[in-house]
Amino acid sequence: MGRYFLPWDKKPENEPLAIDVAYDRTHLAQDDIAMATATIKNNLTKSANMIMVDLGIPPGFDLFSEDLQAYHEKSAGQKSGRWKSSP
């Protein structure tokens, strides 16, 4: 039996935080690498402090922890809450 990931057809409405995950491709072969971009938007009328976002990884995918370490080092000390990766 195989397993695969299907994104939701409909996004929830009126959420305090909107989360969107976009992948750089829609078809992968075994051992291919896909890049994902997560965008979190504050829909509140005020600032949201101390936000923690828990993003799941689709079944069969692995995370490169060295990419997270590079993100952490590059974004340390930023107060804007924005960070854009470079390829």
PDB file of N, CA and C in Angstrom:
ATOM      1  N   MET A   1       0.846  -1.157   0.000  1.00  0.00           N
ATOM      2  CA  MET A   1       0.000   0.000   0.000  1.00  0.00           C
ATOM      3  C   MET A   1       0.900   1.232   0.000  1.00  0.00           C
ATOM      4  N   GLY A   2       0.629   2.192  -0.883  1.00  0.00           N
ATOM      5  CA  GLY A   2       1.391   3.436  -0.931  1.00  0.00           C
ATOM      6  C   GLY A   2       0.680   4.550  -0.194  1.00  0.00           C
ATOM      7  N   ARG A   3       1.442   5.548   0.187  1.00  0.00           N
ATOM      8  CA  ARG A   3       0.864   6.730   0.843  1.00  0.00           C
ATOM      9  C   ARG A   3       1.332   7.955   0.090  1.00  0.00           C
ATOM     10  N   TYR A   4       0.507   8.963   0.048  1.00  0.00           N
ATOM     11  CA  TYR A   4       0.886  10.205  -0.601  1.00  0.00           C
ATOM     12  C   TYR A   4       0.158  11.362   0.065  1.00  0.00           C
ATOM     13  N   PHE A   5       0.625  12.559  -0.225  1.00  0.00           N
ATOM     14  CA  PHE A   5       0.113  13.777   0.400  1.00  0.00           C
ATOM     15  C   PHE A   5      -0.745  14.545  -0.591  1.00  0.00           C
ATOM     16  N   LEU A   6      -1.914  14.972  -0.172  1.00  0.00           N
ATOM     17  CA  LEU A   6      -2.759  15.852  -0.970  1.00  0.00           C
ATOM     18  C   LEU A   6      -3.079  17.092  -0.142  1.00  0.00           C
ATOM     19  N   PRO A   7      -2.804  18.286  -0.689  1.00  0.00           N
ATOM     20  CA  PRO A   7      -3.123  19.507   0.064  1.00  0.00           C
ATOM     21  C   PRO A   7      -4.640  19.700   0.162  1.00  0.00           C
ATOM     22  N   TRP A   8      -5.047  20.512   1.116  1.00  0.00           N
ATOM     23  CA  TRP A   8      -6.466  20.803   1.284  1.00  0.00           C
ATOM     24  C   TRP A   8      -6.988  21.503   0.042  1.00  0.00           C
ATOM     25  N   ASP A   9      -8.225  21.187  -0.323  1.00  0.00           N
ATOM     26  CA  ASP A   9      -8.856  21.863  -1.460  1.00  0.00           C
ATOM     27  C   ASP A   9      -9.272  23.285  -1.095  1.00  0.00           C
ATOM     28  N   LYS A  10      -9.688  23.456   0.140  1.00  0.00           N
ATOM     29  CA  LYS A  10     -10.238  24.736   0.575  1.00  0.00           C
ATOM     30  C   LYS A  10      -9.471  25.219   1.798  1.00  0.00           C
ATOM     31  N   LYS A  11      -9.056  26.484   1.774  1.00  0.00           N
ATOM     32  CA  LYS A  11      -8.333  27.039   2.916  1.00  0.00           C
ATOM     33  C   LYS A  11      -9.323  27.587   3.939  1.00  0.00           C
ATOM     34  N   PRO A  12      -9.033  27.418   5.238  1.00  0.00           N
ATOM     35  CA  PRO A  12      -9.913  27.965   6.273  1.00  0.00           C
ATOM     36  C   PRO A  12      -9.994  29.488   6.177  1.00  0.00           C
ATOM     37  N   GLU A  13     -11.145  30.022   6.533  1.00  0.00           N
ATOM     38  CA  GLU A  13     -11.350  31.472   6.482  1.00  0.00           C
ATOM     39  C   GLU A  13     -11.315  32.061   7.887  1.00  0.00           C
ATOM     40  N   ASN A  14     -11.024  33.358   7.958  1.00  0.00           N
ATOM     41  CA  ASN A  14     -11.057  34.130   9.202  1.00  0.00           C
ATOM     42  C   ASN A  14     -10.118  33.598  10.276  1.00  0.00           C
ATOM     43  N   GLU A  15      -8.974  33.128   9.880  1.00  0.00           N
ATOM     44  CA  GLU A  15      -7.990  32.667  10.859  1.00  0.00           C
ATOM     45  C   GLU A  15      -7.108  33.838  11.272  1.00  0.00           C
ATOM     46  N   PRO A  16      -6.636  33.855  12.529  1.00  0.00           N
ATOM     47  CA  PRO A  16      -5.740  34.925  12.969  1.00  0.00           C
ATOM     48  C   PRO A  16      -4.426  34.929  12.182  1.00  0.00           C
ATOM     49  N   LEU A  17      -3.932  33.736  11.866  1.00  0.00           N
ATOM     50  CA  LEU A  17      -2.710  33.607  11.070  1.00  0.00           C
ATOM     51  C   LEU A  17      -3.015  32.739   9.855  1.00  0.00           C
ATOM     52  N   ALA A  18      -2.614  33.205   8.681  1.00  0.00           N
ATOM     53  CA  ALA A  18      -2.765  32.406   7.468  1.00  0.00           C
ATOM     54  C   ALA A  18      -1.410  31.790   7.146  1.00  0.00           C
ATOM     55  N   ILE A  19      -1.410  30.506   6.857  1.00  0.00           N
ATOM     56  CA  ILE A  19      -0.171  29.803   6.537  1.00  0.00           C
ATOM     57  C   ILE A  19      -0.308  29.211   5.140  1.00  0.00           C
ATOM     58  N   ASP A  20       0.675  29.514   4.291  1.00  0.00           N
ATOM     59  CA  ASP A  20       0.688  28.979   2.938  1.00  0.00           C
ATOM     60  C   ASP A  20       2.045  28.336   2.689  1.00  0.00           C
ATOM     61  N   VAL A  21       2.041  27.125   2.171  1.00  0.00           N
ATOM     62  CA  VAL A  21       3.282  26.436   1.828  1.00  0.00           C
ATOM     63  C   VAL A  21       3.258  26.165   0.329  1.00  0.00           C
ATOM     64  N   ALA A  22       4.285  26.634  -0.372  1.00  0.00           N
ATOM     65  CA  ALA A  22       4.384  26.436  -1.820  1.00  0.00           C
ATOM     66  C   ALA A  22       5.654  25.636  -2.122  1.00  0.00           C
ATOM     67  N   TYR A  23       5.526  24.685  -3.013  1.00  0.00           N
ATOM     68  CA  TYR A  23       6.653  23.856  -3.420  1.00  0.00           C
ATOM     69  C   TYR A  23       7.123  24.284  -4.805  1.00  0.00           C
ATOM     70  N   ASP A  24       8.404  24.080  -5.093  1.00  0.00           N
ATOM     71  CA  ASP A  24       8.951  24.508  -6.371  1.00  0.00           C
ATOM     72  C   ASP A  24       8.639  23.550  -7.516  1.00  0.00           C
ATOM     73  N   ARG A  25       8.002  22.443  -7.233  1.00  0.00           N
ATOM     74  CA  ARG A  25       7.607  21.485  -8.272  1.00  0.00           C
ATOM     75  C   ARG A  25       6.440  20.656  -7.771  1.00  0.00           C
ATOM     76  N   THR A  26       5.733  20.046  -8.709  1.00  0.00           N
ATOM     77  CA  THR A  26       4.574  19.235  -8.330  1.00  0.00           C
ATOM     78  C   THR A  26       4.792  17.755  -8.584  1.00  0.00           C
ATOM     79  N   HIS A  27       5.825  17.396  -9.324  1.00  0.00           N
ATOM     80  CA  HIS A  27       6.129  15.990  -9.593  1.00  0.00           C
ATOM     81  C   HIS A  27       7.564  15.702  -9.184  1.00  0.00           C
ATOM     82  N   LEU A  28       7.743  14.603  -8.466  1.00  0.00           N
ATOM     83  CA  LEU A  28       9.072  14.209  -8.004  1.00  0.00           C
ATOM     84  C   LEU A  28       9.294  12.727  -8.263  1.00  0.00           C
ATOM     85  N   ALA A  29      10.532  12.406  -8.575  1.00  0.00           N
ATOM     86  CA  ALA A  29      10.945  11.010  -8.626  1.00  0.00           C
ATOM     87  C   ALA A  29      11.612  10.693  -7.291  1.00  0.00           C
ATOM     88  N   GLN A  30      11.797   9.427  -7.016  1.00  0.00           N
ATOM     89  CA  GLN A  30      12.446   9.035  -5.767  1.00  0.00           C
ATOM     90  C   GLN A  30      13.818   9.688  -5.683  1.00  0.00           C
ATOM     91  N   ASP A  31      14.151  10.184  -4.499  1.00  0.00           N
ATOM     92  CA  ASP A  31      15.423  10.848  -4.179  1.00  0.00           C
ATOM     93  C   ASP A  31      15.583  12.233  -4.806  1.00  0.00           C
ATOM     94  N   ASP A  32      14.540  12.787  -5.438  1.00  0.00           N
ATOM     95  CA  ASP A  32      14.589  14.174  -5.906  1.00  0.00           C
ATOM     96  C   ASP A  32      14.527  15.107  -4.706  1.00  0.00           C
ATOM     97  N   ILE A  33      14.967  16.332  -4.892  1.00  0.00           N
ATOM     98  CA  ILE A  33      14.922  17.346  -3.839  1.00  0.00           C
ATOM     99  C   ILE A  33      13.934  18.429  -4.259  1.00  0.00           C
ATOM    100  N   ALA A  34      13.044  18.776  -3.359  1.00  0.00           N
ATOM    101  CA  ALA A  34      12.071  19.837  -3.599  1.00  0.00           C
ATOM    102  C   ALA A  34      12.297  20.937  -2.574  1.00  0.00           C
ATOM    103  N   MET A  35      12.124  22.163  -3.009  1.00  0.00           N
ATOM    104  CA  MET A  35      12.221  23.318  -2.114  1.00  0.00           C
ATOM    105  C   MET A  35      10.805  23.771  -1.766  1.00  0.00           C
ATOM    106  N   ALA A  36      10.618  24.188  -0.534  1.00  0.00           N
ATOM    107  CA  ALA A  36       9.320  24.679  -0.081  1.00  0.00           C
ATOM    108  C   ALA A  36       9.498  26.066   0.516  1.00  0.00           C
ATOM    109  N   THR A  37       8.503  26.914   0.297  1.00  0.00           N
ATOM    110  CA  THR A  37       8.483  28.247   0.889  1.00  0.00           C
ATOM    111  C   THR A  37       7.229  28.368   1.736  1.00  0.00           C
ATOM    112  N   ALA A  38       7.406  28.660   3.004  1.00  0.00           N
ATOM    113  CA  ALA A  38       6.270  28.850   3.909  1.00  0.00           C
ATOM    114  C   ALA A  38       6.074  30.341   4.137  1.00  0.00           C
ATOM    115  N   THR A  39       4.839  30.797   3.961  1.00  0.00           N
ATOM    116  CA  THR A  39       4.486  32.190   4.189  1.00  0.00           C
ATOM    117  C   THR A  39       3.427  32.239   5.275  1.00  0.00           C
ATOM    118  N   ILE A  40       3.700  32.991   6.322  1.00  0.00           N
ATOM    119  CA  ILE A  40       2.757  33.144   7.428  1.00  0.00           C
ATOM    120  C   ILE A  40       2.323  34.604   7.458  1.00  0.00           C
ATOM    121  N   LYS A  41       1.024  34.846   7.418  1.00  0.00           N
ATOM    122  CA  LYS A  41       0.485  36.210   7.384  1.00  0.00           C
ATOM    123  C   LYS A  41      -0.358  36.462   8.629  1.00  0.00           C
ATOM    124  N   ASN A  42      -0.106  37.583   9.277  1.00  0.00           N
ATOM    125  CA  ASN A  42      -0.877  37.992  10.441  1.00  0.00           C
ATOM    126  C   ASN A  42      -2.140  38.707   9.968  1.00  0.00           C
ATOM    127  N   ASN A  43      -3.303  38.130  10.220  1.00  0.00           N
ATOM    128  CA  ASN A  43      -4.575  38.737   9.839  1.00  0.00           C
ATOM    129  C   ASN A  43      -5.214  39.524  10.972  1.00  0.00           C
ATOM    130  N   LEU A  44      -4.524  39.633  12.091  1.00  0.00           N
ATOM    131  CA  LEU A  44      -5.043  40.403  13.222  1.00  0.00           C
ATOM    132  C   LEU A  44      -4.855  41.892  12.968  1.00  0.00           C
ATOM    133  N   THR A  45      -5.588  42.707  13.697  1.00  0.00           N
ATOM    134  CA  THR A  45      -5.449  44.162  13.562  1.00  0.00           C
ATOM    135  C   THR A  45      -4.315  44.695  14.419  1.00  0.00           C
ATOM    136  N   LYS A  46      -3.673  43.817  15.167  1.00  0.00           N
ATOM    137  CA  LYS A  46      -2.553  44.228  16.014  1.00  0.00           C
ATOM    138  C   LYS A  46      -1.369  43.303  15.776  1.00  0.00           C
ATOM    139  N   SER A  47      -0.262  43.672  16.349  1.00  0.00           N
ATOM    140  CA  SER A  47       0.957  42.885  16.229  1.00  0.00           C
ATOM    141  C   SER A  47       0.805  41.568  16.982  1.00  0.00           C
ATOM    142  N   ALA A  48       1.345  40.503  16.416  1.00  0.00           N
ATOM    143  CA  ALA A  48       1.309  39.195  17.074  1.00  0.00           C
ATOM    144  C   ALA A  48       2.725  38.873  17.542  1.00  0.00           C
ATOM    145  N   ASN A  49       2.927  38.847  18.828  1.00  0.00           N
ATOM    146  CA  ASN A  49       4.253  38.610  19.398  1.00  0.00           C
ATOM    147  C   ASN A  49       4.424  37.149  19.798  1.00  0.00           C
ATOM    148  N   MET A  50       5.658  36.693  19.756  1.00  0.00           N
ATOM    149  CA  MET A  50       6.034  35.356  20.219  1.00  0.00           C
ATOM    150  C   MET A  50       5.257  34.249  19.501  1.00  0.00           C
ATOM    151  N   ILE A  51       5.215  34.321  18.199  1.00  0.00           N
ATOM    152  CA  ILE A  51       4.499  33.326  17.407  1.00  0.00           C
ATOM    153  C   ILE A  51       5.377  32.098  17.205  1.00  0.00           C
ATOM    154  N   MET A  52       4.789  30.936  17.370  1.00  0.00           N
ATOM    155  CA  MET A  52       5.479  29.687  17.072  1.00  0.00           C
ATOM    156  C   MET A  52       4.640  28.957  16.024  1.00  0.00           C
ATOM    157  N   VAL A  53       5.258  28.608  14.924  1.00  0.00           N
ATOM    158  CA  VAL A  53       4.562  27.925  13.841  1.00  0.00           C
ATOM    159  C   VAL A  53       5.121  26.514  13.731  1.00  0.00           C
ATOM    160  N   ASP A  54       4.249  25.543  13.721  1.00  0.00           N
ATOM    161  CA  ASP A  54       4.631  24.137  13.606  1.00  0.00           C
ATOM    162  C   ASP A  54       4.173  23.647  12.239  1.00  0.00           C
ATOM    163  N   LEU A  55       5.113  23.510  11.314  1.00  0.00           N
ATOM    164  CA  LEU A  55       4.794  23.047   9.963  1.00  0.00           C
ATOM    165  C   LEU A  55       5.089  21.565   9.848  1.00  0.00           C
ATOM    166  N   GLY A  56       4.123  20.832   9.375  1.00  0.00           N
ATOM    167  CA  GLY A  56       4.323  19.405   9.177  1.00  0.00           C
ATOM    168  C   GLY A  56       5.078  19.122   7.891  1.00  0.00           C
ATOM    169  N   ILE A  57       5.674  17.968   7.832  1.00  0.00           N
ATOM    170  CA  ILE A  57       6.386  17.524   6.639  1.00  0.00           C
ATOM    171  C   ILE A  57       5.555  16.408   6.019  1.00  0.00           C
ATOM    172  N   PRO A  58       5.265  16.514   4.716  1.00  0.00           N
ATOM    173  CA  PRO A  58       4.457  15.470   4.076  1.00  0.00           C
ATOM    174  C   PRO A  58       5.106  14.091   4.205  1.00  0.00           C
ATOM    175  N   PRO A  59       4.308  13.039   4.244  1.00  0.00           N
ATOM    176  CA  PRO A  59       4.857  11.687   4.341  1.00  0.00           C
ATOM    177  C   PRO A  59       5.855  11.404   3.216  1.00  0.00           C
ATOM    178  N   GLY A  60       6.960  10.781   3.578  1.00  0.00           N
ATOM    179  CA  GLY A  60       7.979  10.436   2.605  1.00  0.00           C
ATOM    180  C   GLY A  60       9.034  11.503   2.394  1.00  0.00           C
ATOM    181  N   PHE A  61       8.834  12.687   2.966  1.00  0.00           N
ATOM    182  CA  PHE A  61       9.794  13.774   2.824  1.00  0.00           C
ATOM    183  C   PHE A  61      10.730  13.787   4.023  1.00  0.00           C
ATOM    184  N   ASP A  62      11.948  14.227   3.810  1.00  0.00           N
ATOM    185  CA  ASP A  62      12.916  14.434   4.887  1.00  0.00           C
ATOM    186  C   ASP A  62      13.357  15.888   4.860  1.00  0.00           C
ATOM    187  N   LEU A  63      13.662  16.419   6.019  1.00  0.00           N
ATOM    188  CA  LEU A  63      14.117  17.800   6.148  1.00  0.00           C
ATOM    189  C   LEU A  63      15.634  17.831   6.231  1.00  0.00           C
ATOM    190  N   PHE A  64      16.257  18.759   5.513  1.00  0.00           N
ATOM    191  CA  PHE A  64      17.698  18.963   5.623  1.00  0.00           C
ATOM    192  C   PHE A  64      17.952  19.874   6.817  1.00  0.00           C
ATOM    193  N   SER A  65      18.417  19.316   7.927  1.00  0.00           N
ATOM    194  CA  SER A  65      18.607  20.117   9.139  1.00  0.00           C
ATOM    195  C   SER A  65      19.668  21.188   8.944  1.00  0.00           C
ATOM    196  N   GLU A  66      20.621  20.985   8.029  1.00  0.00           N
ATOM    197  CA  GLU A  66      21.638  22.013   7.793  1.00  0.00           C
ATOM    198  C   GLU A  66      21.010  23.277   7.200  1.00  0.00           C
ATOM    199  N   ASP A  67      19.899  23.146   6.472  1.00  0.00           N
ATOM    200  CA  ASP A  67      19.206  24.325   5.959  1.00  0.00           C
ATOM    201  C   ASP A  67      18.583  25.124   7.097  1.00  0.00           C
ATOM    202  N   LEU A  68      18.034  24.425   8.097  1.00  0.00           N
ATOM    203  CA  LEU A  68      17.475  25.123   9.255  1.00  0.00           C
ATOM    204  C   LEU A  68      18.573  25.834  10.051  1.00  0.00           C
ATOM    205  N   GLN A  69      19.722  25.204  10.172  1.00  0.00           N
ATOM    206  CA  GLN A  69      20.837  25.828  10.879  1.00  0.00           C
ATOM    207  C   GLN A  69      21.281  27.089  10.146  1.00  0.00           C
ATOM    208  N   ALA A  70      21.369  27.035   8.827  1.00  0.00           N
ATOM    209  CA  ALA A  70      21.754  28.208   8.033  1.00  0.00           C
ATOM    210  C   ALA A  70      20.723  29.327   8.203  1.00  0.00           C
ATOM    211  N   TYR A  71      19.431  28.969   8.213  1.00  0.00           N
ATOM    212  CA  TYR A  71      18.374  29.959   8.439  1.00  0.00           C
ATOM    213  C   TYR A  71      18.529  30.601   9.815  1.00  0.00           C
ATOM    214  N   HIS A  72      18.742  29.783  10.817  1.00  0.00           N
ATOM    215  CA  HIS A  72      18.883  30.281  12.178  1.00  0.00           C
ATOM    216  C   HIS A  72      20.043  31.273  12.276  1.00  0.00           C
ATOM    217  N   GLU A  73      21.172  30.928  11.698  1.00  0.00           N
ATOM    218  CA  GLU A  73      22.340  31.807  11.749  1.00  0.00           C
ATOM    219  C   GLU A  73      22.102  33.107  10.989  1.00  0.00           C
ATOM    220  N   LYS A  74      21.445  33.033   9.851  1.00  0.00           N
ATOM    221  CA  LYS A  74      21.220  34.224   9.033  1.00  0.00           C
ATOM    222  C   LYS A  74      20.172  35.147   9.645  1.00  0.00           C
ATOM    223  N   SER A  75      19.176  34.583  10.318  1.00  0.00           N
ATOM    224  CA  SER A  75      18.071  35.393  10.819  1.00  0.00           C
ATOM    225  C   SER A  75      18.219  35.796  12.284  1.00  0.00           C
ATOM    226  N   ALA A  76      19.242  35.327  12.958  1.00  0.00           N
ATOM    227  CA  ALA A  76      19.426  35.669  14.375  1.00  0.00           C
ATOM    228  C   ALA A  76      19.511  37.183  14.542  1.00  0.00           C
ATOM    229  N   GLY A  77      18.752  37.702  15.456  1.00  0.00           N
ATOM    230  CA  GLY A  77      18.793  39.132  15.747  1.00  0.00           C
ATOM    231  C   GLY A  77      17.837  39.971  14.918  1.00  0.00           C
ATOM    232  N   GLN A  78      17.183  39.388  13.922  1.00  0.00           N
ATOM    233  CA  GLN A  78      16.226  40.157  13.131  1.00  0.00           C
ATOM    234  C   GLN A  78      14.955  40.354  13.941  1.00  0.00           C
ATOM    235  N   LYS A  79      14.418  41.562  13.884  1.00  0.00           N
ATOM    236  CA  LYS A  79      13.203  41.851  14.627  1.00  0.00           C
ATOM    237  C   LYS A  79      11.989  41.983  13.718  1.00  0.00           C
ATOM    238  N   SER A  80      12.211  41.998  12.417  1.00  0.00           N
ATOM    239  CA  SER A  80      11.093  42.247  11.496  1.00  0.00           C
ATOM    240  C   SER A  80      10.194  41.038  11.338  1.00  0.00           C
ATOM    241  N   GLY A  81      10.675  39.845  11.669  1.00  0.00           N
ATOM    242  CA  GLY A  81       9.884  38.652  11.458  1.00  0.00           C
ATOM    243  C   GLY A  81       9.881  38.202  10.012  1.00  0.00           C
ATOM    244  N   ARG A  82      10.711  38.832   9.191  1.00  0.00           N
ATOM    245  CA  ARG A  82      10.783  38.459   7.784  1.00  0.00           C
ATOM    246  C   ARG A  82      12.159  37.961   7.456  1.00  0.00           C
ATOM    247  N   TRP A  83      12.208  36.954   6.643  1.00  0.00           N
ATOM    248  CA  TRP A  83      13.491  36.431   6.183  1.00  0.00           C
ATOM    249  C   TRP A  83      13.249  35.802   4.846  1.00  0.00           C
ATOM    250  N   LYS A  84      14.094  36.092   3.902  1.00  0.00           N
ATOM    251  CA  LYS A  84      13.972  35.508   2.581  1.00  0.00           C
ATOM    252  C   LYS A  84      15.230  34.739   2.280  1.00  0.00           C
ATOM    253  N   SER A  85      15.050  33.487   1.905  1.00  0.00           N
ATOM    254  CA  SER A  85      16.214  32.660   1.601  1.00  0.00           C
ATOM    255  C   SER A  85      16.715  32.959   0.211  1.00  0.00           C
ATOM    256  N   SER A  86      17.973  32.683   0.013  1.00  0.00           N
ATOM    257  CA  SER A  86      18.543  32.798  -1.327  1.00  0.00           C
ATOM    258  C   SER A  86      18.973  31.411  -1.757  1.00  0.00           C
ATOM    259  N   PRO A  87      18.832  31.124  -3.056  1.00  0.00           N
ATOM    260  CA  PRO A  87      19.157  29.766  -3.519  1.00  0.00           C
ATOM    261  C   PRO A  87      20.593  29.396  -3.348  1.00  0.00           C
TER     262      PRO A  87
END
